[in-house]
Amino acid sequence: MKNVKVLGLITFLMLISISCKNFSTQSKESDNEITSYDSIEETNHWYEEKDGSWQRLKLVRTGAKIGFIYGNEEELFPCIFDSIVDVKSSSMLDGQWINSYFTHSYDNNRYAKVKQDGKWGLITMEGKVAIPCIYDEIYDFVYSEQFRFDGSPLIDFWDYEGKTAVVKKNEKLGLINTKGEVLADFIYEEFFIPDVRLFYANRVAAKKDGLWGFLNEKGKPITSFIYEAVGSRDLSSPQFISTFCGGMAIVKKGGKWGAIDTEGNEKVPFTYDYISLALR
């Protein structure tokens, strides 16, 4: 009887050992599944570890999905995005160009434009969703005066002062701020975006029902939508376009050019075939 008890105890211990071993193996396999990716790509983005060292952020792919991980394979974003925009700022690593996906914006945050389920949004390098993926498009501001080594321009998704984004929803354009709040409803066909900057004198020109008007920095209309065209400080040189120069904007109404101030008051009557504001 004693031998039977001993044999039973030995058998019990062996079963526990086998069970623990299987559990350990399964855990390792599970861990491998978590950290296993179809591809891992070095990016042109650095982050600081707690020990003060700097590491590169990595873009990872699982199937057709994209995400980001740190150097220790901790996930910044899981592989949930369908595509991402290369913001055209890269460097060399081991003789190869490596891409940038996060911008350096005026608000000191870094954003990446990503698509999920057919809609665009913005994420940050801090792991936050700045703008949820609910928009048909997010406008790319191309800073043509800044170039990377291969000649491609830098891209940002916020206006020149880093406060406002132009987004499309249901085939119409609107404005949102860095908190994702809607400033201007989705009722516009076009925004006048001269020389990269969206706002001049805290005013932006927008087109609705085929005619132009002006909004303030809060997205509220400050003029009626009655203008056929928005001009520039020199109509013969489109590269120098700006909506307001010296507190006035050149606009066209009734087939003639005139000028208004930042409150929409007429300053130059609409009687001219051509107007050019002098540069100062």
Protein backbone atom coordinates (compact mmCIF):
# COMPACT_ATOMS: atom_id res chain seq x y z
CA MET A 1 0.00 0.00 0.00
CA LYS A 2 2.86 2.36 0.89
CA ASN A 3 4.50 1.69 -2.48
CA VAL A 4 1.21 2.46 -4.23
CA LYS A 5 0.96 5.84 -2.43
CA VAL A 6 4.53 6.70 -3.34
CA LEU A 7 3.92 5.73 -6.97
CA GLY A 8 0.76 7.84 -7.01
CA LEU A 9 2.64 10.85 -5.58
CA ILE A 10 5.39 10.50 -8.18
CA THR A 11 2.80 10.28 -10.96
CA PHE A 12 1.02 13.39 -9.61
CA LEU A 13 4.27 15.38 -9.52
CA MET A 14 5.13 14.30 -13.04
CA LEU A 15 1.73 15.45 -14.31
CA ILE A 16 2.21 18.86 -12.65
CA SER A 17 5.67 19.18 -14.21
CA ILE A 18 4.35 18.33 -17.68
CA SER A 19 1.45 20.74 -17.26
CA CYS A 20 3.75 23.60 -16.19
CA LYS A 21 6.09 22.88 -19.07
CA ASN A 22 3.21 22.96 -21.56
CA PHE A 23 1.91 26.21 -20.05
CA SER A 24 5.38 27.76 -20.30
CA THR A 25 5.71 26.66 -23.92
CA GLN A 26 2.28 28.03 -24.77
CA SER A 27 3.12 31.34 -23.07
CA LYS A 28 6.32 31.66 -25.08
CA GLU A 29 4.46 30.84 -28.28
CA SER A 30 1.83 33.43 -27.35
CA ASP A 31 4.55 36.01 -26.68
CA ASN A 32 6.13 35.22 -30.02
CA GLU A 33 2.78 35.79 -31.70
CA ILE A 34 2.51 39.20 -30.04
CA THR A 35 5.96 40.33 -31.09
CA SER A 36 6.04 38.60 -34.48
CA TYR A 37 5.65 40.84 -37.54
CA ASP A 38 5.86 40.23 -41.26
CA SER A 39 8.33 43.11 -41.59
CA ILE A 40 10.09 45.68 -39.40
CA GLU A 41 11.26 48.98 -40.90
CA GLU A 42 13.63 51.50 -39.34
CA THR A 43 12.25 55.04 -39.43
CA ASN A 44 13.80 58.48 -39.30
CA HIS A 45 12.32 59.08 -35.84
CA TRP A 46 14.08 58.96 -32.48
CA TYR A 47 12.74 58.69 -28.94
CA GLU A 48 14.48 58.90 -25.57
CA GLU A 49 14.63 55.90 -23.23
CA LYS A 50 14.40 56.26 -19.44
CA ASP A 51 18.17 55.74 -19.20
CA GLY A 52 18.73 58.75 -21.48
CA SER A 53 19.69 56.73 -24.56
CA TRP A 54 18.11 57.46 -27.93
CA GLN A 55 16.46 54.74 -30.04
CA ARG A 56 14.81 54.64 -33.43
CA LEU A 57 11.08 54.12 -33.75
CA LYS A 58 10.16 51.20 -36.02
CA LEU A 59 7.29 50.74 -38.45
CA VAL A 60 5.91 47.20 -38.46
CA ARG A 61 3.57 45.30 -40.75
CA THR A 62 1.34 42.31 -40.14
CA GLY A 63 -0.37 41.28 -43.33
CA ALA A 64 -1.65 44.49 -44.90
CA LYS A 65 -1.80 46.38 -41.60
CA ILE A 66 0.70 48.91 -40.22
CA GLY A 67 1.75 49.86 -36.70
CA PHE A 68 4.71 51.24 -34.72
CA ILE A 69 6.95 49.74 -32.04
CA TYR A 70 9.79 50.95 -29.86
CA GLY A 71 13.25 49.41 -29.97
CA ASN A 72 12.33 47.03 -27.12
CA GLU A 73 9.32 45.88 -29.23
CA GLU A 74 6.81 47.60 -26.96
CA GLU A 75 3.93 48.77 -29.14
CA LEU A 76 3.32 52.45 -29.73
CA PHE A 77 0.43 51.57 -32.06
CA PRO A 78 -0.69 48.02 -32.95
CA CYS A 79 -0.99 47.01 -36.59
CA ILE A 80 -4.43 48.51 -37.24
CA PHE A 81 -3.78 51.05 -40.01
CA ASP A 82 -4.19 50.41 -43.72
CA SER A 83 -1.71 53.02 -44.95
CA ILE A 84 0.42 55.96 -43.84
CA VAL A 85 1.81 59.08 -45.53
CA ASP A 86 5.55 59.52 -46.00
CA VAL A 87 6.16 63.14 -44.95
CA LYS A 88 9.16 63.48 -47.24
CA SER A 89 11.90 64.01 -44.69
CA SER A 90 14.41 61.17 -44.57
CA SER A 91 18.04 60.30 -43.82
CA MET A 92 20.58 57.61 -44.66
CA LEU A 93 21.11 54.43 -42.65
CA ASP A 94 23.65 51.87 -43.86
CA GLY A 95 23.50 53.35 -47.35
CA GLN A 96 19.69 53.24 -47.52
CA TRP A 97 17.10 56.00 -47.31
CA ILE A 98 14.80 55.61 -44.32
CA ASN A 99 11.43 57.33 -44.32
CA SER A 100 9.76 59.77 -41.98
CA TYR A 101 6.10 59.48 -41.08
CA PHE A 102 5.70 61.97 -38.24
CA THR A 103 5.86 65.70 -38.94
CA HIS A 104 7.42 68.42 -36.83
CA SER A 105 4.52 70.84 -36.43
CA TYR A 106 4.36 74.37 -35.14
CA ASP A 107 2.62 73.20 -31.95
CA ASN A 108 5.73 71.12 -31.11
CA ASN A 109 3.90 67.82 -31.59
CA ARG A 110 4.71 65.23 -34.22
CA TYR A 111 1.85 63.85 -36.29
CA ALA A 112 1.44 60.99 -38.76
CA LYS A 113 -1.42 60.78 -41.25
CA VAL A 114 -2.91 57.29 -41.22
CA LYS A 115 -5.84 55.56 -42.91
CA GLN A 116 -8.10 53.06 -41.17
CA ASP A 117 -11.18 51.47 -42.75
CA GLY A 118 -10.96 53.89 -45.65
CA LYS A 119 -10.84 57.07 -43.54
CA TRP A 120 -7.96 59.38 -42.58
CA GLY A 121 -6.84 60.60 -39.16
CA LEU A 122 -3.72 61.82 -37.32
CA ILE A 123 -1.71 60.07 -34.59
CA THR A 124 1.16 61.41 -32.48
CA MET A 125 4.52 60.01 -31.46
CA GLU A 126 3.23 60.04 -27.89
CA GLY A 127 0.75 57.31 -28.80
CA LYS A 128 -2.34 59.52 -28.95
CA VAL A 129 -5.01 59.78 -31.61
CA ALA A 130 -5.04 63.51 -32.40
CA ILE A 131 -7.76 63.23 -35.04
CA PRO A 132 -9.82 60.02 -35.29
CA CYS A 133 -9.92 58.22 -38.64
CA ILE A 134 -13.28 59.60 -39.74
CA TYR A 135 -12.39 61.95 -42.59
CA ASP A 136 -12.37 61.38 -46.34
CA GLU A 137 -9.20 63.48 -46.62
CA ILE A 138 -6.84 65.66 -44.59
CA TYR A 139 -5.13 68.38 -46.58
CA ASP A 140 -1.33 68.16 -46.93
CA PHE A 141 0.48 71.49 -46.60
CA VAL A 142 3.62 71.18 -48.71
CA TYR A 143 6.45 73.41 -47.50
CA SER A 144 8.16 73.84 -50.86
CA GLU A 145 10.87 76.09 -49.41
CA GLN A 146 12.23 73.19 -47.32
CA PHE A 147 13.68 70.10 -48.94
CA ARG A 148 15.20 66.81 -47.91
CA PHE A 149 18.37 65.54 -49.55
CA ASP A 150 16.62 63.87 -52.47
CA GLY A 151 14.71 67.07 -53.33
CA SER A 152 11.28 66.10 -51.98
CA PRO A 153 9.42 68.81 -50.05
CA LEU A 154 8.47 68.57 -46.39
CA ILE A 155 4.80 68.00 -45.58
CA ASP A 156 2.64 69.06 -42.64
CA PHE A 157 -1.07 68.63 -41.93
CA TRP A 158 -1.66 71.86 -40.04
CA ASP A 159 -1.65 75.42 -41.32
CA TYR A 160 1.43 77.62 -41.20
CA GLU A 161 0.96 78.40 -37.50
CA GLY A 162 0.11 74.81 -36.58
CA LYS A 163 -3.43 75.48 -35.37
CA THR A 164 -5.89 74.41 -38.04
CA ALA A 165 -6.36 71.52 -40.46
CA VAL A 166 -8.47 71.38 -43.62
CA VAL A 167 -10.44 68.14 -43.75
CA LYS A 168 -13.04 66.64 -46.07
CA LYS A 169 -16.21 64.85 -45.02
CA ASN A 170 -19.10 63.82 -47.26
CA GLU A 171 -17.42 65.56 -50.21
CA LYS A 172 -17.32 68.95 -48.44
CA LEU A 173 -14.46 70.74 -46.69
CA GLY A 174 -14.32 72.07 -43.14
CA LEU A 175 -11.78 73.23 -40.55
CA ILE A 176 -10.77 71.53 -37.30
CA ASN A 177 -8.29 72.51 -34.58
CA THR A 178 -5.58 70.48 -32.84
CA LYS A 179 -8.13 69.21 -30.31
CA GLY A 180 -10.17 67.71 -33.14
CA GLU A 181 -12.95 70.26 -32.62
CA VAL A 182 -14.84 71.43 -35.72
CA LEU A 183 -14.24 75.14 -36.37
CA ALA A 184 -15.97 75.46 -39.73
CA ASP A 185 -18.79 73.12 -40.74
CA PHE A 186 -18.43 70.83 -43.75
CA ILE A 187 -20.19 73.07 -46.25
CA TYR A 188 -17.30 74.45 -48.31
CA GLU A 189 -16.07 73.51 -51.77
CA GLU A 190 -12.60 75.03 -51.50
CA PHE A 191 -10.27 76.98 -49.24
CA PHE A 192 -7.85 79.50 -50.68
CA ILE A 193 -4.43 78.32 -49.52
CA PRO A 194 -1.81 80.68 -50.92
CA ASP A 195 1.91 80.26 -50.28
CA VAL A 196 1.23 77.37 -47.83
CA ARG A 197 -0.48 79.61 -45.28
CA LEU A 198 -4.18 79.14 -44.74
CA PHE A 199 -4.75 82.27 -42.62
CA TYR A 200 -3.62 85.84 -43.31
CA ALA A 201 -4.57 88.51 -40.74
CA ASN A 202 -6.60 85.77 -38.99
CA ARG A 203 -8.79 85.44 -42.08
CA VAL A 204 -9.25 82.58 -44.52
CA ALA A 205 -11.05 82.65 -47.87
CA ALA A 206 -13.60 79.89 -48.47
CA LYS A 207 -15.83 79.02 -51.42
CA LYS A 208 -19.47 78.08 -50.97
CA ASP A 209 -22.02 77.58 -53.75
CA GLY A 210 -19.43 78.75 -56.27
CA LEU A 211 -18.65 82.09 -54.60
CA TRP A 212 -15.99 83.24 -52.17
CA GLY A 213 -16.24 84.75 -48.70
CA PHE A 214 -14.04 85.05 -45.61
CA LEU A 215 -13.99 83.30 -42.22
CA ASN A 216 -12.20 84.38 -39.04
CA GLU A 217 -9.79 82.24 -37.02
CA LYS A 218 -12.75 80.64 -35.20
CA GLY A 219 -14.26 79.48 -38.48
CA LYS A 220 -17.12 81.99 -38.42
CA PRO A 221 -18.08 83.93 -41.60
CA ILE A 222 -17.19 87.63 -41.46
CA THR A 223 -18.36 88.44 -45.01
CA SER A 224 -21.11 87.24 -47.32
CA PHE A 225 -20.20 84.72 -50.02
CA ILE A 226 -20.50 87.12 -52.95
CA TYR A 227 -17.06 87.24 -54.58
CA GLU A 228 -16.25 85.59 -57.89
CA ALA A 229 -12.51 85.36 -57.22
CA VAL A 230 -9.89 86.08 -54.59
CA GLY A 231 -6.80 87.87 -55.85
CA SER A 232 -3.24 88.33 -54.77
CA ARG A 233 -0.90 91.17 -54.02
CA ASP A 234 0.28 90.78 -57.59
CA LEU A 235 -2.18 89.10 -59.95
CA SER A 236 0.54 88.56 -62.53
CA SER A 237 2.73 86.58 -60.10
CA PRO A 238 0.68 83.73 -58.54
CA GLN A 239 3.67 82.51 -56.51
CA PHE A 240 3.38 85.66 -54.39
CA ILE A 241 -0.29 85.15 -53.63
CA SER A 242 -1.65 86.20 -50.23
CA THR A 243 -5.23 86.96 -49.32
CA PHE A 244 -4.45 90.02 -47.21
CA CYS A 245 -1.62 92.49 -47.68
CA GLY A 246 -1.53 95.72 -45.74
CA GLY A 247 -4.89 94.85 -44.20
CA MET A 248 -6.69 94.53 -47.55
CA ALA A 249 -7.74 91.63 -49.75
CA ILE A 250 -8.25 91.93 -53.50
CA VAL A 251 -11.55 90.35 -54.57
CA LYS A 252 -13.67 90.28 -57.70
CA LYS A 253 -17.38 91.09 -57.84
CA GLY A 254 -19.58 91.78 -60.83
CA GLY A 255 -16.69 91.08 -63.16
CA LYS A 256 -14.55 93.87 -61.66
CA TRP A 257 -11.79 93.94 -59.05
CA GLY A 258 -11.89 95.89 -55.80
CA ALA A 259 -10.55 95.48 -52.25
CA ILE A 260 -11.99 94.89 -48.78
CA ASP A 261 -10.53 95.16 -45.28
CA THR A 262 -10.41 92.41 -42.66
CA GLU A 263 -13.97 93.20 -41.57
CA GLY A 264 -15.32 92.91 -45.11
CA ASN A 265 -15.76 96.64 -45.63
CA GLU A 266 -15.24 97.89 -49.18
CA LYS A 267 -12.02 99.93 -49.36
CA VAL A 268 -11.51 100.06 -53.14
CA PRO A 269 -14.62 100.18 -55.35
CA PHE A 270 -15.28 97.34 -57.77
CA THR A 271 -14.51 99.24 -60.95
CA TYR A 272 -11.10 97.93 -62.01
CA ASP A 273 -9.97 95.36 -64.56
CA TYR A 274 -6.69 94.83 -62.67
CA ILE A 275 -5.30 95.65 -59.21
CA SER A 276 -1.81 95.03 -57.81
CA LEU A 277 -0.95 95.94 -54.24
CA ALA A 278 2.51 97.41 -53.82
CA LEU A 279 4.99 95.30 -51.85
CA ARG A 280 6.39 96.81 -48.65
